[in-house]
Amino acid sequence: MAINSVFELAARAMNAQMVRINTVASNLANADAVSGDAQNAYRPIRPVFETVYQNSVRKDGLASVKVDQIVTLDRAPERVHAPDRPMADADGYIYRAAVSPEEEMVEMMDASRQYQNTLEVVSTIRTLMARTMSMGQ
């Protein structure tokens, strides 16, 4: 996988952060989901990033990122006694998704900042390229 330009590096980084933001959105959307058994309760997901180097010997120092996989976190759902709920099991319990909205908000803010930082790099590069072109006139 060749990395041809700074713009390609930035695009890969921004794509990885968008996947991260999408997983956070999925987790937040399912934060209040309930199930009648622990096995079917929603569990939060996270992307796993992998470094992609320009070449196998890493001699030029160029590296980018890609999403290797999206994993389900191994967290036990919260068991809540609610015998009046239609989804309750035989003992009267429901199982809430093991999602922490606070943790997800921190994750979203970090991903958003990473995305913005990369966008700022692209903007700066475009400005520098335009200035360089105008110097020759």
Protein backbone atom coordinates (compact mmCIF):
# COMPACT_ATOMS: atom_id res chain seq x y z
CA MET A 1 0.00 0.00 0.00
CA ALA A 2 1.77 3.13 -1.19
CA ILE A 3 1.39 6.50 0.45
CA ASN A 4 1.72 9.03 -2.36
CA SER A 5 1.09 12.38 -0.71
CA VAL A 6 0.35 14.23 2.47
CA PHE A 7 -3.24 14.53 1.28
CA GLU A 8 -3.51 10.73 1.13
CA LEU A 9 -2.04 10.48 4.63
CA ALA A 10 -4.58 12.99 5.89
CA ALA A 11 -7.46 11.24 4.12
CA ARG A 12 -6.56 7.94 5.77
CA ALA A 13 -6.28 9.57 9.18
CA MET A 14 -9.61 11.35 8.77
CA ASN A 15 -11.27 8.14 7.58
CA ALA A 16 -10.01 6.28 10.66
CA GLN A 17 -11.39 8.99 12.96
CA MET A 18 -14.74 8.91 11.15
CA VAL A 19 -14.98 5.17 11.81
CA ARG A 20 -14.21 5.91 15.45
CA ILE A 21 -16.94 8.57 15.59
CA ASN A 22 -19.41 6.18 13.94
CA THR A 23 -18.73 3.47 16.53
CA VAL A 24 -19.28 6.04 19.30
CA ALA A 25 -22.58 7.05 17.67
CA SER A 26 -23.63 3.40 17.53
CA ASN A 27 -22.75 2.92 21.20
CA LEU A 28 -24.65 6.05 22.26
CA ALA A 29 -27.67 5.06 20.17
CA ASN A 30 -27.79 1.72 21.99
CA ALA A 31 -26.95 3.01 25.48
CA ASP A 32 -30.50 2.46 26.75
CA ALA A 33 -31.12 -0.80 24.89
CA VAL A 34 -32.39 -3.70 26.99
CA SER A 35 -32.58 -7.42 26.43
CA GLY A 36 -34.25 -10.39 28.07
CA ASP A 37 -30.95 -12.25 28.45
CA ALA A 38 -27.31 -11.31 29.01
CA GLN A 39 -26.04 -12.94 25.81
CA ASN A 40 -28.18 -10.74 23.55
CA ALA A 41 -27.59 -7.46 25.38
CA TYR A 42 -25.77 -4.78 23.40
CA ARG A 43 -22.05 -4.47 24.06
CA PRO A 44 -20.03 -1.41 23.05
CA ILE A 45 -17.74 -1.56 20.02
CA ARG A 46 -14.34 0.04 19.31
CA PRO A 47 -12.18 0.27 16.20
CA VAL A 48 -8.67 -1.19 16.28
CA PHE A 49 -6.15 0.84 14.33
CA GLU A 50 -3.12 -0.48 12.47
CA THR A 51 -0.08 1.50 11.35
CA VAL A 52 0.57 1.38 7.60
CA TYR A 53 4.16 2.15 6.57
CA GLN A 54 5.21 3.53 3.19
CA ASN A 55 7.66 0.67 2.73
CA SER A 56 8.59 -2.48 4.60
CA VAL A 57 11.95 -1.19 5.81
CA ARG A 58 10.44 2.06 7.15
CA LYS A 59 13.42 4.03 5.86
CA ASP A 60 11.54 7.14 4.75
CA GLY A 61 9.50 7.47 7.93
CA LEU A 62 6.11 7.82 6.22
CA ALA A 63 3.32 6.06 8.02
CA SER A 64 -0.45 6.28 8.10
CA VAL A 65 -3.29 4.48 9.81
CA LYS A 66 -6.11 2.18 8.85
CA VAL A 67 -8.90 0.50 10.74
CA ASP A 68 -7.88 -3.12 11.12
CA GLN A 69 -11.09 -4.34 12.72
CA ILE A 70 -13.97 -3.35 14.95
CA VAL A 71 -14.16 -5.32 18.18
CA THR A 72 -16.86 -5.82 20.77
CA LEU A 73 -15.81 -4.90 24.29
CA ASP A 74 -16.12 -7.69 26.83
CA ARG A 75 -18.34 -5.96 29.37
CA ALA A 76 -21.12 -7.59 31.29
CA PRO A 77 -24.52 -5.95 30.85
CA GLU A 78 -26.23 -4.42 33.86
CA ARG A 79 -28.80 -6.76 35.40
CA VAL A 80 -31.90 -4.84 36.52
CA HIS A 81 -34.91 -6.23 38.36
CA ALA A 82 -37.96 -5.14 36.33
CA PRO A 83 -40.62 -7.87 36.45
CA ASP A 84 -43.21 -5.59 34.81
CA ARG A 85 -41.18 -5.26 31.59
CA PRO A 86 -42.29 -7.51 28.70
CA MET A 87 -38.68 -8.51 27.96
CA ALA A 88 -37.96 -9.63 31.54
CA ASP A 89 -36.67 -13.16 31.98
CA ALA A 90 -38.31 -15.81 34.17
CA ASP A 91 -36.75 -14.25 37.30
CA GLY A 92 -37.97 -10.75 36.37
CA TYR A 93 -34.65 -9.32 35.19
CA ILE A 94 -33.72 -7.32 32.11
CA TYR A 95 -30.18 -6.64 30.90
CA ARG A 96 -29.09 -3.12 29.98
CA ALA A 97 -26.35 -2.34 27.51
CA ALA A 98 -22.90 -1.97 29.08
CA VAL A 99 -22.40 1.48 27.59
CA SER A 100 -21.05 4.41 29.59
CA PRO A 101 -22.32 7.63 27.98
CA GLU A 102 -19.58 9.63 29.72
CA GLU A 103 -16.85 7.38 28.31
CA GLU A 104 -18.42 7.58 24.86
CA MET A 105 -18.52 11.39 25.00
CA VAL A 106 -14.81 11.51 25.89
CA GLU A 107 -14.10 9.11 23.02
CA MET A 108 -16.15 11.28 20.65
CA MET A 109 -14.41 14.49 21.71
CA ASP A 110 -10.98 12.93 21.24
CA ALA A 111 -11.86 11.55 17.80
CA SER A 112 -13.34 14.89 16.80
CA ARG A 113 -10.18 16.74 17.87
CA GLN A 114 -7.98 14.31 15.97
CA TYR A 115 -10.14 14.82 12.88
CA GLN A 116 -9.97 18.62 13.26
CA ASN A 117 -6.19 18.54 13.74
CA THR A 118 -5.75 16.58 10.53
CA LEU A 119 -8.06 18.96 8.70
CA GLU A 120 -5.95 21.88 9.94
CA VAL A 121 -2.83 20.19 8.55
CA VAL A 122 -4.50 19.88 5.13
CA SER A 123 -5.57 23.51 5.24
CA THR A 124 -2.06 24.66 6.15
CA ILE A 125 -0.51 22.59 3.37
CA ARG A 126 -2.91 24.02 0.79
CA THR A 127 -2.05 27.56 1.94
CA LEU A 128 1.68 26.86 1.73
CA MET A 129 1.30 25.34 -1.72
CA ALA A 130 -0.63 28.39 -2.94
CA ARG A 131 2.04 30.73 -1.53
CA THR A 132 4.78 28.69 -3.16
CA MET A 133 3.01 28.88 -6.53
CA SER A 134 2.58 32.65 -6.23
CA MET A 135 6.29 33.12 -5.47
CA GLY A 136 7.17 32.05 -9.02
CA GLN A 137 5.02 34.73 -10.65
